[in-house]
Protein backbone atom coordinates (compact mmCIF):
# COMPACT_ATOMS: atom_id res chain seq x y z
CA MET A 1 15.18 -6.17 -8.08
CA PRO A 2 15.35 -5.90 -4.28
CA TYR A 3 12.53 -7.32 -2.19
CA ALA A 4 12.05 -7.48 1.56
CA ASP A 5 10.61 -10.87 2.50
CA LEU A 6 7.97 -10.37 5.21
CA GLY A 7 7.03 -14.03 5.35
CA GLN A 8 3.71 -14.42 3.56
CA PHE A 9 4.55 -11.82 0.91
CA ARG A 10 7.33 -9.51 -0.27
CA LEU A 11 7.61 -5.74 -0.49
CA HIS A 12 9.60 -4.21 -3.31
CA TYR A 13 11.85 -1.26 -2.55
CA GLU A 14 14.68 0.84 -3.94
CA GLU A 15 17.65 2.07 -1.93
CA HIS A 16 19.78 5.08 -2.78
CA GLY A 17 22.74 6.69 -1.06
CA GLY A 18 23.85 6.34 2.55
CA GLY A 19 23.55 8.00 5.94
CA ASP A 20 20.55 8.49 8.18
CA PRO A 21 17.67 6.45 6.70
CA VAL A 22 14.62 8.21 5.23
CA VAL A 23 11.65 6.03 4.26
CA PHE A 24 9.30 7.54 1.66
CA LEU A 25 5.69 6.29 1.53
CA HIS A 26 3.59 6.89 -1.59
CA GLY A 27 -0.07 7.67 -2.19
CA PHE A 28 -3.02 5.40 -2.97
CA THR A 29 -2.65 3.45 -6.28
CA LEU A 30 0.76 5.09 -6.82
CA ASP A 31 4.21 3.67 -6.04
CA ARG A 32 7.84 4.44 -5.27
CA ARG A 33 8.35 6.21 -8.61
CA MET A 34 6.55 9.31 -7.37
CA TRP A 35 9.60 9.93 -5.13
CA TYR A 36 12.36 9.61 -7.75
CA GLY A 37 12.96 13.37 -7.71
CA GLN A 38 13.56 13.21 -3.97
CA ALA A 39 15.84 10.18 -4.22
CA GLU A 40 18.07 12.11 -6.62
CA GLN A 41 18.25 15.13 -4.34
CA PHE A 42 18.73 13.36 -0.99
CA ARG A 43 20.91 10.38 -1.87
CA ASP A 44 24.17 12.26 -1.23
CA ASP A 45 23.29 12.90 2.42
CA TYR A 46 20.78 10.20 3.38
CA ARG A 47 19.99 6.55 2.94
CA VAL A 48 16.85 6.93 0.84
CA LEU A 49 14.40 4.02 0.90
CA LEU A 50 11.48 4.06 -1.54
CA LEU A 51 8.93 1.45 -0.57
CA ASP A 52 6.07 -0.02 -2.64
CA ALA A 53 3.14 -0.74 -0.30
CA ARG A 54 1.54 -4.17 -0.58
CA GLY A 55 -0.59 -4.39 -3.71
CA HIS A 56 1.22 -1.38 -5.22
CA GLY A 57 4.11 -1.08 -7.65
CA LEU A 58 6.15 -4.26 -7.81
CA SER A 59 5.25 -5.52 -4.33
CA ASP A 60 3.23 -8.70 -3.95
CA ALA A 61 -0.55 -8.26 -3.93
CA PRO A 62 -2.24 -10.57 -1.42
CA SER A 63 -6.02 -10.81 -1.58
CA THR A 64 -6.54 -8.95 1.70
CA GLY A 65 -4.74 -6.97 4.40
CA TYR A 66 -5.17 -3.41 3.09
CA GLY A 67 -6.18 -1.65 6.29
CA ARG A 68 -4.08 1.13 7.82
CA ALA A 69 -2.89 -1.15 10.63
CA ASP A 70 -1.62 -3.61 8.01
CA ARG A 71 0.35 -0.91 6.23
CA VAL A 72 1.89 0.25 9.52
CA SER A 73 2.88 -3.32 10.43
CA ASP A 74 4.38 -3.77 6.96
CA VAL A 75 6.62 -0.72 7.35
CA ILE A 76 7.84 -1.86 10.79
CA ALA A 77 8.51 -5.36 9.44
CA PHE A 78 10.36 -3.80 6.50
CA ALA A 79 12.42 -1.65 8.88
CA ASP A 80 13.32 -4.72 10.90
CA VAL A 81 14.41 -6.63 7.79
CA MET A 82 16.52 -3.65 6.69
CA GLY A 83 18.07 -3.20 10.15
CA LEU A 84 16.56 0.24 10.75
CA ASP A 85 16.40 0.92 14.48
CA ARG A 86 15.17 4.47 13.85
CA PHE A 87 14.37 6.36 10.68
CA HIS A 88 12.81 9.50 9.24
CA VAL A 89 9.48 8.91 7.51
CA VAL A 90 7.94 11.01 4.73
CA GLY A 91 4.44 10.12 3.58
CA LEU A 92 2.04 11.64 1.06
CA SER A 93 -1.74 11.12 1.19
CA MET A 94 -2.24 7.40 1.99
CA GLY A 95 1.46 7.30 2.83
CA GLY A 96 0.89 10.16 5.26
CA THR A 97 -1.89 8.23 6.94
CA THR A 98 0.50 5.30 7.30
CA ALA A 99 3.17 7.62 8.69
CA LEU A 100 0.69 8.96 11.25
CA GLY A 101 -0.02 5.39 12.35
CA LEU A 102 3.70 4.82 12.77
CA ALA A 103 4.01 7.94 14.91
CA LEU A 104 1.07 6.89 17.08
CA ASP A 105 2.05 3.25 17.61
CA TYR A 106 5.82 3.13 17.04
CA GLN A 107 7.01 6.62 17.90
CA GLU A 108 10.22 5.27 19.41
CA ARG A 109 11.27 4.10 15.95
CA LEU A 110 11.03 7.55 14.31
CA ASN A 111 13.56 10.35 14.08
CA SER A 112 11.05 12.64 12.41
CA LEU A 113 7.65 12.72 10.74
CA THR A 114 6.82 14.56 7.50
CA LEU A 115 3.18 14.58 6.39
CA VAL A 116 2.43 15.74 2.83
CA SER A 117 -1.15 16.23 1.61
CA THR A 118 -1.91 13.71 4.30
CA GLY A 119 -5.01 11.79 5.15
CA ALA A 120 -5.76 10.50 8.64
CA ALA A 121 -7.65 7.52 9.96
CA GLY A 122 -11.23 8.54 10.74
CA TYR A 123 -11.04 11.81 8.76
CA ASP A 124 -14.11 12.26 6.57
CA VAL A 125 -13.15 12.64 2.90
CA GLY A 126 -16.71 12.50 1.61
CA LYS A 127 -18.38 9.87 -0.52
CA ARG A 128 -16.01 9.68 -3.48
CA TYR A 129 -13.96 6.75 -2.18
CA GLU A 130 -17.08 4.89 -1.13
CA ALA A 131 -18.50 5.43 -4.62
CA LEU A 132 -15.35 3.93 -6.15
CA ASP A 133 -15.62 0.89 -3.90
CA ASN A 134 -19.22 0.41 -4.97
CA LEU A 135 -18.26 0.81 -8.61
CA ALA A 136 -15.55 -1.86 -8.25
CA ARG A 137 -18.01 -4.27 -6.66
CA GLN A 138 -20.76 -3.63 -9.19
CA LYS A 139 -18.87 -3.18 -12.46
CA GLY A 140 -15.41 -4.53 -11.77
CA LEU A 141 -11.85 -3.34 -11.26
CA GLU A 142 -11.34 -1.63 -14.59
CA ALA A 143 -14.45 0.50 -14.18
CA ALA A 144 -13.14 1.72 -10.81
CA ARG A 145 -9.69 2.34 -12.28
CA GLU A 146 -11.12 4.37 -15.16
CA LYS A 147 -13.13 6.54 -12.78
CA TRP A 148 -10.15 6.97 -10.44
CA LEU A 149 -7.96 8.03 -13.35
CA GLU A 150 -10.53 10.65 -14.31
CA MET A 151 -10.69 11.96 -10.74
CA SER A 152 -6.92 11.92 -10.19
CA LEU A 153 -5.81 13.51 -13.44
CA ILE A 154 -8.34 16.30 -13.75
CA TRP A 155 -5.85 18.84 -12.36
CA TYR A 156 -2.94 17.71 -14.52
CA ARG A 157 -3.45 18.70 -18.11
CA GLU A 158 -1.16 20.20 -20.77
CA ASP A 159 0.77 22.41 -18.33
CA ARG A 160 1.47 19.39 -16.09
CA GLU A 161 2.16 16.82 -18.78
CA GLU A 162 5.02 15.07 -16.97
CA VAL A 163 3.06 14.79 -13.72
CA ARG A 164 0.02 13.50 -15.61
CA TRP A 165 2.05 10.88 -17.50
CA LEU A 166 3.70 9.56 -14.34
CA MET A 167 0.47 9.35 -12.36
CA GLU A 168 -1.38 7.72 -15.24
CA THR A 169 1.38 5.15 -15.62
CA MET A 170 1.42 4.26 -11.92
CA ILE A 171 -2.37 4.01 -11.65
CA ASN A 172 -2.65 1.88 -14.79
CA GLU A 173 0.02 -0.49 -13.46
CA HIS A 174 -1.51 -0.71 -9.99
CA SER A 175 -2.72 -4.22 -9.13
CA GLY A 176 -6.18 -3.08 -8.03
CA ALA A 177 -6.08 -5.62 -5.20
CA VAL A 178 -7.14 -3.04 -2.64
CA TRP A 179 -10.50 -2.56 -4.40
CA MET A 180 -11.05 -6.31 -4.57
CA ASP A 181 -10.21 -6.90 -0.89
CA PRO A 182 -13.20 -8.72 0.67
CA LYS A 183 -12.59 -6.77 3.90
CA ARG A 184 -12.65 -3.40 2.12
CA GLY A 185 -14.79 -1.01 4.17
CA ARG A 186 -14.90 -3.37 7.15
CA TYR A 187 -11.56 -2.71 8.83
CA SER A 188 -11.64 -1.39 12.39
CA ARG A 189 -12.03 2.38 12.54
CA GLU A 190 -9.45 4.57 14.21
CA TYR A 191 -9.68 8.32 14.87
CA ASP A 192 -6.25 9.87 14.66
CA LEU A 193 -7.31 13.38 15.63
CA ASP A 194 -8.23 12.05 19.07
CA ARG A 195 -4.66 10.85 19.61
CA VAL A 196 -2.24 13.00 17.61
CA HIS A 197 -1.49 15.11 20.68
CA GLU A 198 0.58 12.08 21.78
CA ILE A 199 3.11 12.70 19.00
CA THR A 200 6.34 14.27 20.23
CA VAL A 201 8.79 13.55 17.39
CA PRO A 202 9.72 16.53 15.20
CA THR A 203 6.87 16.93 12.72
CA LYS A 204 6.60 18.85 9.46
CA ILE A 205 3.24 19.20 7.66
CA ILE A 206 2.98 20.32 4.04
CA ALA A 207 -0.09 20.88 1.89
CA GLY A 208 -1.10 22.59 -1.35
CA ALA A 209 -3.62 25.43 -1.07
CA LEU A 210 -5.63 24.06 -4.01
CA ASP A 211 -6.07 20.74 -2.21
CA GLN A 212 -9.09 22.02 -0.30
CA LEU A 213 -10.17 18.60 0.98
CA PHE A 214 -6.95 18.11 2.97
CA VAL A 215 -5.84 21.63 3.95
CA PRO A 216 -8.31 21.75 6.90
CA LEU A 217 -6.89 18.45 8.15
CA ALA A 218 -3.34 19.79 7.87
CA GLN A 219 -4.38 22.79 9.96
CA GLN A 220 -5.99 20.59 12.61
CA LEU A 221 -2.92 18.37 12.80
CA GLN A 222 -0.62 21.36 13.23
CA ALA A 223 -2.82 22.69 16.03
CA ARG A 224 -2.82 19.36 17.87
CA ILE A 225 0.78 18.16 17.43
CA ALA A 226 2.96 20.21 19.77
CA GLY A 227 5.94 21.84 18.10
CA SER A 228 4.86 20.89 14.58
CA SER A 229 5.06 23.34 11.69
CA LEU A 230 2.78 23.74 8.68
CA SER A 231 3.54 25.04 5.19
CA VAL A 232 0.72 25.61 2.71
CA TYR A 233 1.97 26.20 -0.83
CA GLU A 234 -0.05 28.61 -2.94
CA LYS A 235 -1.27 27.50 -6.39
CA VAL A 236 -0.31 23.88 -5.61
CA GLY A 237 -2.56 20.83 -5.46
CA HIS A 238 -2.31 17.36 -3.95
CA MET A 239 0.94 16.09 -5.49
CA VAL A 240 3.17 18.68 -3.87
CA ASN A 241 6.50 16.93 -4.45
CA LEU A 242 5.76 16.52 -8.16
CA GLU A 243 4.23 19.94 -8.76
CA VAL A 244 6.89 22.07 -7.05
CA PRO A 245 9.84 19.71 -6.50
CA GLU A 246 12.47 22.39 -5.91
CA GLN A 247 10.44 24.15 -3.20
CA PHE A 248 9.48 20.85 -1.61
CA ASN A 249 13.03 19.46 -1.63
CA GLN A 250 14.45 22.64 -0.16
CA GLU A 251 11.98 22.67 2.71
CA LEU A 252 12.29 18.97 3.45
CA LYS A 253 16.08 19.20 3.40
CA ALA A 254 16.04 22.13 5.83
CA PHE A 255 13.67 20.26 8.15
CA LEU A 256 15.74 17.06 8.17
CA GLU A 257 18.95 19.01 8.70
CA GLY A 258 17.35 20.82 11.63
CA VAL A 259 16.35 17.51 13.20
CA ARG A 260 19.88 16.17 12.73
CA VAL A 261 21.46 19.25 14.37
CA LYS A 262 19.12 19.06 17.38
CA SER A 263 19.74 15.35 17.89
């Protein structure tokens, strides 16, 4: 299994195809497997890189270092190890927050930015994540995992059996190190919405209309990032690429092709 050695720990990744590199970044407690449908569709035209964030999937799980700045530094270090001068980045949820950090601090390394159901540093998502952190501290990792599973899978029942099975598998196999991080909740705060106007790389924003927590953020990002475009899919929730893969793949492919033509 391929690993990128970053010195103190290793990141696991998968590589498919060849061409312009596209790095896919997964959501919180998930891993590279959520992007397998995209790897299959894009491998003929692009060098697809599916990366497990530290503490996720098969990557090493150090005891600390789970802030957004750490994730951004990890991706840049990974890109350096892989010889990627510039690359497209696609991030969902936590992966979108990481991608935003890349665009803000390492914009010269990006060919394009795709944000899917994205979070953002400093964006208020309510008390549910704080409650999970407290649960992990008070009752332990497995109590937090059980509650997170309940929260994450509520939208994926019989009619979404394959999505539910994949998410449940990834969450159950997640190391849980992020919840046990002694610095959890004490990392320096950033406020992306104050800076996203600095982003000039081609930007695509995608959200599901049922994902009401993050649609307002998607709209704010589109309004503040010059030249960006926003697509909101009706009757779709948070896991856009898993819920409507054909629609998602078609739109992402058109966006990347447009970037390639312009460059």
